[in-house]
Amino acid sequence: MSDAKSAFAQALGASFQSISEFVAVPIAAAPADALWLGSSMVGGEPQSWALAACKGRPCPGAKPVSLPTASSLAVLALLDLQGAPFKIDLRQPPANPARAQPMPQKAKKPAALVRARHKLDSGEERDTLVIVPADKSGEILWQQTASSSLPNGGGFQSLELSFAKPAKGPWLDVGLLQHTVPAKGEQPFAPGPPLKLEFAYRQGAYQRVK
């Protein structure tokens, strides 16, 4: 792990000591055999990154992917975005990210679902979900704030993330089910009705369609 972390730091032009929240995730049947995640300080502010790795080194030509600011990073699922439909309960993510989706022996469009968790200076705690492709592109395919918890207890929470067969084309559609959470002392005390955000793959990335 320390060798991978050192290679990750070198690729970012950072020191080994400056890298925090480092995670190395093995990826089978992908252009890369691992995805590295970590944070470093840039201008006094934390910056999070993902990088495709091949045999313990950054893949030739791979570009670091800039992730949302995070005090903690976690891979919730390994994906094939042209594979089998499935759902993730975001209140209880899969214990094994590699088994979240039924995977073929060779994934067509391998990627990772990453959760970036951060506490803002305002006291808000925020989770952002990101889909990072397991390739050299350096591009994010999808990013969406999944939950926001304010100091007064209010905000919103995502319950489920679904990947469904599209009406046309090979790329799975993405659906995010969430509801509002009332602040302490507000009426009604129950969460608000669920809202489903829907996204489809368009022109190289996922875009909201509903």
Protein backbone atom coordinates (compact mmCIF):
# COMPACT_ATOMS: atom_id res chain seq x y z
CA MET A 1 0.00 0.00 0.00
CA SER A 2 2.84 2.43 0.83
CA ASP A 3 4.39 1.90 -2.63
CA ALA A 4 1.04 2.67 -4.28
CA LYS A 5 0.59 5.73 -2.08
CA SER A 6 4.07 6.93 -2.99
CA ALA A 7 3.35 6.50 -6.71
CA PHE A 8 0.02 8.31 -6.25
CA ALA A 9 1.73 11.23 -4.50
CA GLN A 10 4.41 11.43 -7.19
CA ALA A 11 1.77 11.52 -9.94
CA LEU A 12 0.09 14.47 -8.20
CA GLY A 13 3.37 16.26 -7.55
CA ALA A 14 2.72 15.99 -3.80
CA SER A 15 4.69 14.62 -0.86
CA PHE A 16 3.90 11.23 0.65
CA GLN A 17 3.11 12.90 3.98
CA SER A 18 0.56 15.25 2.41
CA ILE A 19 -1.64 12.41 1.09
CA SER A 20 -4.57 11.45 3.31
CA GLU A 21 -7.58 9.16 2.94
CA PHE A 22 -5.67 6.99 0.46
CA VAL A 23 -7.58 3.98 -0.88
CA ALA A 24 -6.42 1.46 -3.52
CA VAL A 25 -9.32 -0.48 -5.06
CA PRO A 26 -8.62 -3.55 -7.25
CA ILE A 27 -10.63 -3.55 -10.49
CA ALA A 28 -10.93 -6.78 -12.45
CA ALA A 29 -11.31 -6.88 -16.24
CA ALA A 30 -10.78 -3.16 -16.67
CA PRO A 31 -8.30 -1.06 -18.67
CA ALA A 32 -6.71 -0.41 -15.27
CA ASP A 33 -6.22 -3.08 -12.60
CA ALA A 34 -6.76 -0.64 -9.71
CA LEU A 35 -8.23 2.74 -8.91
CA TRP A 36 -6.37 4.95 -6.45
CA LEU A 37 -8.21 7.57 -4.38
CA GLY A 38 -6.74 10.12 -2.02
CA SER A 39 -6.62 13.71 -0.84
CA SER A 40 -3.83 16.26 -0.65
CA MET A 41 -3.56 19.88 0.44
CA VAL A 42 -3.51 22.44 -2.37
CA GLY A 43 -3.12 26.08 -1.34
CA GLY A 44 -4.15 25.19 2.20
CA GLU A 45 -7.35 23.49 1.03
CA PRO A 46 -7.98 19.74 0.69
CA GLN A 47 -8.25 18.44 -2.87
CA SER A 48 -9.34 14.88 -3.66
CA TRP A 49 -8.27 12.83 -6.66
CA ALA A 50 -8.75 9.49 -8.41
CA LEU A 51 -6.15 7.88 -10.67
CA ALA A 52 -6.17 4.71 -12.78
CA ALA A 53 -3.30 2.37 -11.91
CA CYS A 54 -1.64 -0.46 -13.85
CA LYS A 55 0.62 -2.94 -12.04
CA GLY A 56 1.38 -0.63 -9.13
CA ARG A 57 2.05 2.46 -11.22
CA PRO A 58 -0.16 5.11 -12.81
CA CYS A 59 -1.38 3.80 -16.16
CA PRO A 60 0.62 5.32 -19.04
CA GLY A 61 -1.11 8.50 -20.08
CA ALA A 62 -3.60 8.37 -17.19
CA LYS A 63 -4.82 11.74 -15.94
CA PRO A 64 -5.78 12.37 -12.29
CA VAL A 65 -9.54 12.90 -11.89
CA SER A 66 -10.44 15.84 -9.65
CA LEU A 67 -13.09 14.78 -7.11
CA PRO A 68 -15.28 16.88 -4.82
CA THR A 69 -13.55 18.11 -1.67
CA ALA A 70 -13.68 15.32 0.89
CA SER A 71 -12.55 14.55 4.42
CA SER A 72 -13.27 10.88 3.70
CA LEU A 73 -13.52 8.83 0.51
CA ALA A 74 -15.15 5.44 -0.03
CA VAL A 75 -15.86 3.21 -3.02
CA LEU A 76 -19.47 2.02 -2.72
CA ALA A 77 -19.60 -0.16 -5.84
CA LEU A 78 -17.65 -1.33 -8.85
CA LEU A 79 -19.78 -0.89 -11.96
CA ASP A 80 -20.28 -1.98 -15.52
CA LEU A 81 -22.25 0.91 -16.97
CA GLN A 82 -23.33 -1.26 -19.89
CA GLY A 83 -24.05 -4.28 -17.69
CA ALA A 84 -26.91 -5.71 -15.64
CA PRO A 85 -29.48 -3.42 -13.94
CA PHE A 86 -29.30 -3.22 -10.14
CA LYS A 87 -29.97 -0.99 -7.13
CA ILE A 88 -27.97 0.21 -4.12
CA ASP A 89 -29.48 1.01 -0.73
CA LEU A 90 -27.51 4.14 0.16
CA ARG A 91 -28.49 3.85 3.84
CA GLN A 92 -26.66 0.52 3.95
CA PRO A 93 -24.12 0.34 1.09
CA PRO A 94 -22.83 -3.05 -0.07
CA ALA A 95 -20.27 -4.64 2.25
CA ASN A 96 -18.31 -5.78 -0.81
CA PRO A 97 -18.22 -3.14 -3.58
CA ALA A 98 -17.14 -5.75 -6.12
CA ARG A 99 -20.42 -7.65 -5.63
CA ALA A 100 -22.86 -4.75 -5.74
CA GLN A 101 -23.72 -5.49 -9.38
CA PRO A 102 -23.80 -8.86 -11.16
CA MET A 103 -20.62 -8.58 -13.23
CA PRO A 104 -19.60 -10.37 -16.40
CA GLN A 105 -16.13 -11.83 -16.75
CA LYS A 106 -15.14 -8.76 -18.74
CA ALA A 107 -16.95 -5.49 -18.08
CA LYS A 108 -17.80 -3.37 -21.13
CA LYS A 109 -17.65 0.02 -19.40
CA PRO A 110 -16.01 -0.46 -15.98
CA ALA A 111 -16.26 2.34 -13.44
CA ALA A 112 -16.40 2.97 -9.71
CA LEU A 113 -19.06 4.67 -7.60
CA VAL A 114 -17.27 6.90 -5.11
CA ARG A 115 -18.71 8.70 -2.08
CA ALA A 116 -16.97 11.93 -1.08
CA ARG A 117 -17.96 13.00 2.43
CA HIS A 118 -17.11 16.46 3.74
CA LYS A 119 -17.99 18.81 6.58
CA LEU A 120 -18.19 22.44 5.51
CA ASP A 121 -17.18 25.44 7.61
CA SER A 122 -20.91 26.23 7.98
CA GLY A 123 -21.36 22.94 9.86
CA GLU A 124 -23.17 21.27 6.97
CA GLU A 125 -22.21 17.63 6.40
CA ARG A 126 -22.44 16.68 2.73
CA ASP A 127 -22.14 13.45 0.77
CA THR A 128 -21.43 13.65 -2.96
CA LEU A 129 -21.64 10.61 -5.25
CA VAL A 130 -19.30 10.39 -8.23
CA ILE A 131 -18.96 7.83 -11.02
CA VAL A 132 -15.32 7.57 -12.10
CA PRO A 133 -14.47 5.54 -15.23
CA ALA A 134 -11.71 2.94 -14.89
CA ASP A 135 -9.70 4.40 -17.74
CA LYS A 136 -7.15 7.12 -18.50
CA SER A 137 -9.56 9.89 -19.47
CA GLY A 138 -9.41 11.94 -16.28
CA GLU A 139 -13.12 12.69 -16.65
CA ILE A 140 -16.05 12.29 -14.24
CA LEU A 141 -19.08 10.59 -15.78
CA TRP A 142 -21.60 11.66 -13.13
CA GLN A 143 -21.65 13.74 -9.94
CA GLN A 144 -24.54 14.54 -7.62
CA THR A 145 -24.97 15.69 -4.02
CA ALA A 146 -26.63 12.74 -2.29
CA SER A 147 -27.22 14.12 1.18
CA SER A 148 -26.94 17.33 3.15
CA SER A 149 -27.27 17.55 6.93
CA LEU A 150 -27.48 21.06 8.37
CA PRO A 151 -26.61 22.00 11.96
CA ASN A 152 -30.35 22.44 12.72
CA GLY A 153 -31.01 18.83 11.69
CA GLY A 154 -32.66 19.72 8.38
CA GLY A 155 -31.51 18.92 4.86
CA PHE A 156 -32.09 16.00 2.55
CA GLN A 157 -31.07 12.36 2.27
CA SER A 158 -30.77 9.92 -0.62
CA LEU A 159 -32.28 6.49 -0.10
CA GLU A 160 -31.51 4.51 -3.23
CA LEU A 161 -29.39 4.64 -6.36
CA SER A 162 -30.66 2.60 -9.29
CA PHE A 163 -29.12 1.57 -12.59
CA ALA A 164 -31.79 0.62 -15.15
CA LYS A 165 -31.94 -0.54 -18.75
CA PRO A 166 -32.40 2.48 -21.04
CA ALA A 167 -35.12 2.91 -23.65
CA LYS A 168 -32.35 2.93 -26.25
CA GLY A 169 -28.59 2.62 -26.31
CA PRO A 170 -26.25 0.43 -24.23
CA TRP A 171 -25.59 2.73 -21.24
CA LEU A 172 -27.60 2.13 -18.07
CA ASP A 173 -29.82 4.98 -16.87
CA VAL A 174 -29.21 6.31 -13.34
CA GLY A 175 -31.93 7.16 -10.81
CA LEU A 176 -31.42 8.77 -7.40
CA LEU A 177 -34.29 8.57 -4.88
CA GLN A 178 -34.15 11.15 -2.08
CA HIS A 179 -36.35 13.03 0.40
CA THR A 180 -36.12 16.16 2.52
CA VAL A 181 -35.46 15.96 6.25
CA PRO A 182 -37.18 18.57 8.46
CA ALA A 183 -35.16 20.65 10.90
CA LYS A 184 -35.58 20.10 14.61
CA GLY A 185 -38.89 21.53 15.80
CA GLU A 186 -40.35 21.83 12.30
CA GLN A 187 -43.67 20.31 11.25
CA PRO A 188 -44.22 17.74 9.95
CA PHE A 189 -41.63 15.65 11.74
CA ALA A 190 -41.78 12.92 9.09
CA PRO A 191 -39.47 13.21 6.05
CA GLY A 192 -40.94 14.78 2.95
CA PRO A 193 -42.26 12.72 0.01
CA PRO A 194 -39.60 10.98 -2.08
CA LEU A 195 -38.23 12.67 -5.19
CA LYS A 196 -36.52 10.70 -7.97
CA LEU A 197 -33.82 12.37 -10.03
CA GLU A 198 -33.18 10.63 -13.37
CA PHE A 199 -30.05 10.77 -15.51
CA ALA A 200 -29.15 9.40 -18.94
CA TYR A 201 -25.86 9.09 -20.75
CA ARG A 202 -25.51 11.88 -23.30
CA GLN A 203 -22.43 13.13 -25.16
CA GLY A 204 -19.81 11.52 -22.95
CA ALA A 205 -21.38 11.96 -19.49
CA TYR A 206 -24.58 11.48 -17.51
CA GLN A 207 -27.02 14.38 -17.72
CA ARG A 208 -30.21 14.96 -15.77
CA VAL A 209 -33.33 14.28 -17.82
CA LYS A 210 -35.98 14.50 -15.08
